[in-house]
N, C-alpha and C. Protein backbone atom coordinates (compact mmCIF):
# COMPACT_ATOMS: atom_id res chain seq x y z
N UNK A 1 0.89 -0.96 0.16
CA UNK A 1 -0.09 -0.20 -0.20
C UNK A 1 1.27 0.88 -0.04
N UNK A 2 2.09 1.36 1.11
CA UNK A 2 2.63 2.23 0.48
C UNK A 2 3.69 2.54 -0.44
N UNK A 3 3.68 1.39 -0.87
CA UNK A 3 4.42 1.95 -2.64
C UNK A 3 3.54 2.46 -3.47
N UNK A 4 2.11 2.09 -3.60
CA UNK A 4 1.24 2.44 -4.44
C UNK A 4 1.25 4.09 -4.04
N UNK A 5 0.80 4.24 -2.66
CA UNK A 5 0.57 6.00 -2.27
C UNK A 5 1.53 6.65 -2.83
N UNK A 6 3.12 6.27 -2.98
CA UNK A 6 4.05 7.10 -2.81
C UNK A 6 4.69 7.24 -4.74
N UNK A 7 4.33 5.42 -5.58
CA UNK A 7 4.53 5.92 -6.46
C UNK A 7 3.13 7.07 -7.53
N UNK A 8 2.02 7.00 -6.60
CA UNK A 8 1.11 8.09 -7.06
C UNK A 8 1.38 9.59 -6.47
N UNK A 9 2.16 9.87 -5.90
CA UNK A 9 2.62 10.87 -5.45
C UNK A 9 4.09 11.25 -6.18
N UNK A 10 4.64 10.34 -6.66
CA UNK A 10 5.62 11.08 -7.84
C UNK A 10 5.40 10.86 -8.82
N UNK A 11 3.90 10.34 -9.77
CA UNK A 11 3.40 10.38 -10.88
C UNK A 11 2.93 11.83 -10.94
N UNK A 12 2.39 12.58 -9.60
CA UNK A 12 1.37 13.82 -9.43
C UNK A 12 2.80 14.69 -9.74
N UNK A 13 4.19 14.34 -9.09
CA UNK A 13 5.08 15.53 -8.63
C UNK A 13 5.36 15.64 -10.06
N UNK A 14 5.42 14.49 -11.04
CA UNK A 14 6.62 14.94 -12.98
C UNK A 14 5.25 15.20 -13.09
N UNK A 15 3.92 15.07 -12.68
CA UNK A 15 2.53 16.20 -13.99
C UNK A 15 2.80 17.29 -13.58
N UNK A 16 2.94 17.46 -12.05
CA UNK A 16 3.18 19.14 -11.57
C UNK A 16 4.03 20.02 -12.33
N UNK A 17 5.41 19.23 -12.57
CA UNK A 17 6.44 19.59 -13.18
C UNK A 17 6.03 20.54 -14.29
N UNK A 18 6.06 19.32 -15.18
CA UNK A 18 4.94 19.52 -16.71
C UNK A 18 4.14 20.34 -16.68
N UNK A 19 3.28 20.65 -15.72
CA UNK A 19 2.15 21.72 -15.75
C UNK A 19 2.67 22.86 -16.06
N UNK A 20 3.34 22.76 -14.69
CA UNK A 20 3.97 23.92 -14.30
C UNK A 20 4.95 25.01 -15.49
N UNK A 21 5.19 23.99 -16.16
CA UNK A 21 6.26 24.27 -17.56
C UNK A 21 5.46 24.92 -18.05
N UNK A 22 4.68 24.47 -18.91
CA UNK A 22 3.29 24.38 -19.47
C UNK A 22 3.20 25.93 -19.77
N UNK A 23 2.36 25.89 -18.02
CA UNK A 23 2.04 27.25 -17.77
C UNK A 23 2.55 28.44 -17.68
N UNK A 24 3.86 28.39 -17.57
CA UNK A 24 5.08 29.44 -17.25
C UNK A 24 5.32 29.35 -18.75
N UNK A 25 5.20 28.53 -19.82
CA UNK A 25 5.88 29.18 -21.13
C UNK A 25 4.42 29.01 -22.72
N UNK A 26 3.29 29.26 -22.15
CA UNK A 26 2.43 29.05 -23.43
C UNK A 26 1.94 30.84 -23.60
N UNK A 27 1.49 30.55 -24.23
CA UNK A 27 1.46 32.42 -25.38
C UNK A 27 0.33 32.99 -24.60
N UNK A 28 -1.30 31.83 -24.26
CA UNK A 28 -2.00 32.44 -24.16
C UNK A 28 -2.03 32.59 -22.24
N UNK A 29 -2.81 33.54 -21.91
CA UNK A 29 -3.15 33.87 -20.67
C UNK A 29 -4.04 32.66 -20.31
N UNK A 30 -5.62 32.18 -21.29
CA UNK A 30 -6.14 31.64 -21.03
C UNK A 30 -5.70 30.09 -20.65
N UNK A 31 -4.92 30.00 -21.48
CA UNK A 31 -4.30 28.38 -21.51
C UNK A 31 -3.11 28.58 -19.98
N UNK A 32 -2.61 29.68 -19.67
CA UNK A 32 -1.57 29.93 -18.11
C UNK A 32 -2.04 28.97 -17.33
N UNK A 33 -3.79 30.02 -16.95
CA UNK A 33 -4.88 29.96 -16.13
C UNK A 33 -5.28 28.20 -16.31
N UNK A 34 -5.69 27.62 -17.38
CA UNK A 34 -6.05 26.69 -17.19
C UNK A 34 -4.85 25.66 -16.54
N UNK A 35 -3.24 25.87 -16.78
CA UNK A 35 -2.46 24.32 -16.35
C UNK A 35 -2.28 24.89 -15.21
N UNK A 36 -2.67 26.46 -14.88
CA UNK A 36 -2.08 26.45 -13.55
C UNK A 36 -3.10 26.17 -12.48
N UNK A 37 -4.53 25.37 -12.81
CA UNK A 37 -4.90 24.88 -11.99
C UNK A 37 -4.95 23.81 -11.93
N UNK A 38 -3.80 22.97 -12.67
CA UNK A 38 -3.76 21.77 -12.56
C UNK A 38 -2.56 21.38 -12.05
N UNK A 39 -1.64 22.61 -11.95
CA UNK A 39 -0.27 22.68 -10.88
C UNK A 39 -0.88 22.63 -9.28
N UNK A 40 -1.73 23.49 -9.04
CA UNK A 40 -2.50 23.39 -7.67
C UNK A 40 -2.98 22.02 -7.52
N UNK A 41 -3.55 21.64 -8.30
CA UNK A 41 -4.06 20.29 -8.01
C UNK A 41 -3.11 18.85 -7.78
N UNK A 42 -2.45 19.00 -8.67
CA UNK A 42 -1.08 17.78 -8.56
C UNK A 42 0.06 18.08 -7.44
N UNK A 43 -0.08 19.38 -6.88
CA UNK A 43 0.29 19.43 -6.06
C UNK A 43 -0.05 19.24 -4.55
N UNK A 44 -1.46 19.74 -4.74
CA UNK A 44 -2.48 19.19 -3.47
C UNK A 44 -2.43 18.01 -3.61
N UNK A 45 -2.21 17.07 -4.60
CA UNK A 45 -3.10 15.42 -4.99
C UNK A 45 -1.32 15.03 -3.99
N UNK A 46 -0.20 15.24 -4.58
CA UNK A 46 1.18 15.12 -4.31
C UNK A 46 1.23 14.60 -2.40
N UNK A 47 0.77 15.87 -1.74
CA UNK A 47 0.77 16.23 -0.29
C UNK A 47 -0.38 14.61 0.34
N UNK A 48 -1.48 14.75 -0.32
CA UNK A 48 -2.31 14.05 -0.04
C UNK A 48 -1.99 12.54 -0.02
N UNK A 49 -0.78 12.12 -0.68
CA UNK A 49 -0.44 10.77 -1.34
C UNK A 49 0.50 10.74 0.01
N UNK A 50 1.27 11.75 -0.09
CA UNK A 50 2.06 11.17 1.68
C UNK A 50 1.54 11.13 2.70
N UNK A 51 0.37 12.26 2.95
CA UNK A 51 0.23 12.37 4.46
C UNK A 51 -0.27 10.59 4.38
N UNK A 52 -1.69 10.33 3.31
CA UNK A 52 -1.87 8.97 3.24
C UNK A 52 -1.23 7.75 3.51
N UNK A 53 0.31 7.90 3.51
CA UNK A 53 1.35 6.75 3.35
C UNK A 53 1.29 6.93 4.87
N UNK A 54 1.94 8.13 5.71
CA UNK A 54 2.36 8.31 7.08
C UNK A 54 1.17 7.79 8.06
N UNK A 55 -0.13 7.53 7.08
CA UNK A 55 -1.39 6.64 8.35
C UNK A 55 -1.40 5.33 8.24
N UNK A 56 -0.04 4.81 6.96
CA UNK A 56 -0.17 3.59 7.44
C UNK A 56 1.08 2.95 8.12
N UNK A 57 2.23 3.97 7.70
CA UNK A 57 3.28 3.45 8.88
C UNK A 57 4.26 5.40 9.12
N UNK A 58 5.32 4.93 9.95
CA UNK A 58 5.67 6.66 10.67
C UNK A 58 6.93 7.18 9.52
N UNK A 59 6.39 8.40 9.44
CA UNK A 59 7.19 9.36 8.43
C UNK A 59 8.09 9.64 8.28
N UNK A 60 8.92 8.95 9.22
CA UNK A 60 10.63 8.76 8.71
C UNK A 60 10.75 7.56 7.66
N UNK A 61 9.59 6.49 7.83
CA UNK A 61 10.25 5.49 6.95
C UNK A 61 9.53 6.19 5.41
N UNK A 62 8.16 6.55 5.49
CA UNK A 62 7.51 7.27 4.69
C UNK A 62 8.47 7.46 3.59
N UNK A 63 8.99 8.70 4.26
CA UNK A 63 10.25 9.63 3.18
C UNK A 63 11.63 9.03 2.85
N UNK A 64 12.34 7.78 4.07
CA UNK A 64 12.80 7.16 2.96
C UNK A 64 12.62 6.43 2.04
N UNK A 65 11.37 6.10 1.88
CA UNK A 65 11.30 4.77 0.45
C UNK A 65 10.71 5.82 -0.34
N UNK A 66 10.32 7.15 0.40
CA UNK A 66 10.36 8.10 -1.48
C UNK A 66 11.41 8.53 -1.76
N UNK A 67 12.27 8.48 -1.10
CA UNK A 67 13.74 8.50 -1.50
C UNK A 67 14.75 7.73 -2.07
N UNK A 68 14.17 6.39 -1.91
CA UNK A 68 14.59 5.09 -2.51
C UNK A 68 13.57 5.15 -4.23
N UNK A 69 12.53 5.34 -3.68
CA UNK A 69 11.62 5.17 -4.90
C UNK A 69 12.34 6.20 -6.31
N UNK A 70 12.11 7.54 -5.36
CA UNK A 70 13.03 8.46 -6.81
C UNK A 70 14.68 8.78 -7.16
N UNK A 71 15.20 7.60 -6.00
CA UNK A 71 16.37 7.34 -6.76
C UNK A 71 16.15 5.92 -7.96
N UNK A 72 15.35 5.54 -7.64
CA UNK A 72 14.72 4.55 -8.59
C UNK A 72 14.58 5.11 -9.80
N UNK A 73 13.49 6.15 -9.86
CA UNK A 73 13.19 6.16 -10.91
C UNK A 73 14.09 7.34 -11.66
N UNK A 74 14.60 8.43 -11.21
CA UNK A 74 15.73 8.67 -11.75
C UNK A 74 16.69 8.25 -12.61
N UNK A 75 16.86 6.78 -11.89
CA UNK A 75 18.23 5.92 -12.90
C UNK A 75 17.46 5.74 -14.15
N UNK A 76 16.11 5.14 -13.86
CA UNK A 76 15.10 4.64 -15.19
C UNK A 76 15.44 5.99 -16.40
N UNK A 77 15.16 6.81 -15.69
CA UNK A 77 15.57 8.34 -16.61
C UNK A 77 16.72 8.86 -17.12
N UNK A 78 17.40 8.05 -16.64
CA UNK A 78 19.18 8.46 -17.04
C UNK A 78 19.22 7.39 -17.85
N UNK A 79 18.79 6.29 -17.99
CA UNK A 79 18.86 5.14 -19.29
C UNK A 79 18.82 5.46 -20.09
N UNK A 80 19.56 5.09 -21.15
CA UNK A 80 18.96 5.05 -22.19
C UNK A 80 17.27 4.32 -23.06
N UNK A 81 16.07 4.51 -22.96
CA UNK A 81 15.15 3.73 -22.74
C UNK A 81 14.23 4.57 -23.35
N UNK A 82 14.25 4.19 -24.97
CA UNK A 82 13.63 5.26 -25.66
C UNK A 82 12.09 4.96 -25.60
N UNK A 83 11.36 3.85 -24.97
CA UNK A 83 10.35 3.72 -24.84
C UNK A 83 9.51 4.01 -23.75
N UNK A 84 10.23 4.67 -22.52
CA UNK A 84 10.17 4.73 -21.61
C UNK A 84 9.07 6.01 -21.45
N UNK A 85 8.22 5.91 -21.08
CA UNK A 85 7.19 6.90 -20.94
C UNK A 85 6.28 7.22 -19.41
N UNK A 86 5.66 8.33 -19.29
CA UNK A 86 4.93 8.68 -18.10
C UNK A 86 3.84 9.44 -18.40
N UNK A 87 2.58 8.97 -18.08
CA UNK A 87 1.09 9.73 -18.50
C UNK A 87 1.59 10.08 -19.89
N UNK A 88 1.71 9.11 -20.78
CA UNK A 88 1.46 9.50 -22.32
C UNK A 88 1.23 8.54 -23.03
């Protein structure tokens, strides 16, 4: 359960980063506002997943596991994987 929550948190973190980039680099105010809404929602979702994980395990363990998963994610992205995609 903890890993599912933390992987979901990571997915929302990556989504947040993408939407934040689009919001800051789009050409229209309407689109920037639209994507800014996703940025807010994804940051709230990220925090919610972390909070839920701490209901099942102590905070120190949750953040240690999150660090492990983040390191694994970084390794995957650093490898030459032409087909590796998230949310696409």
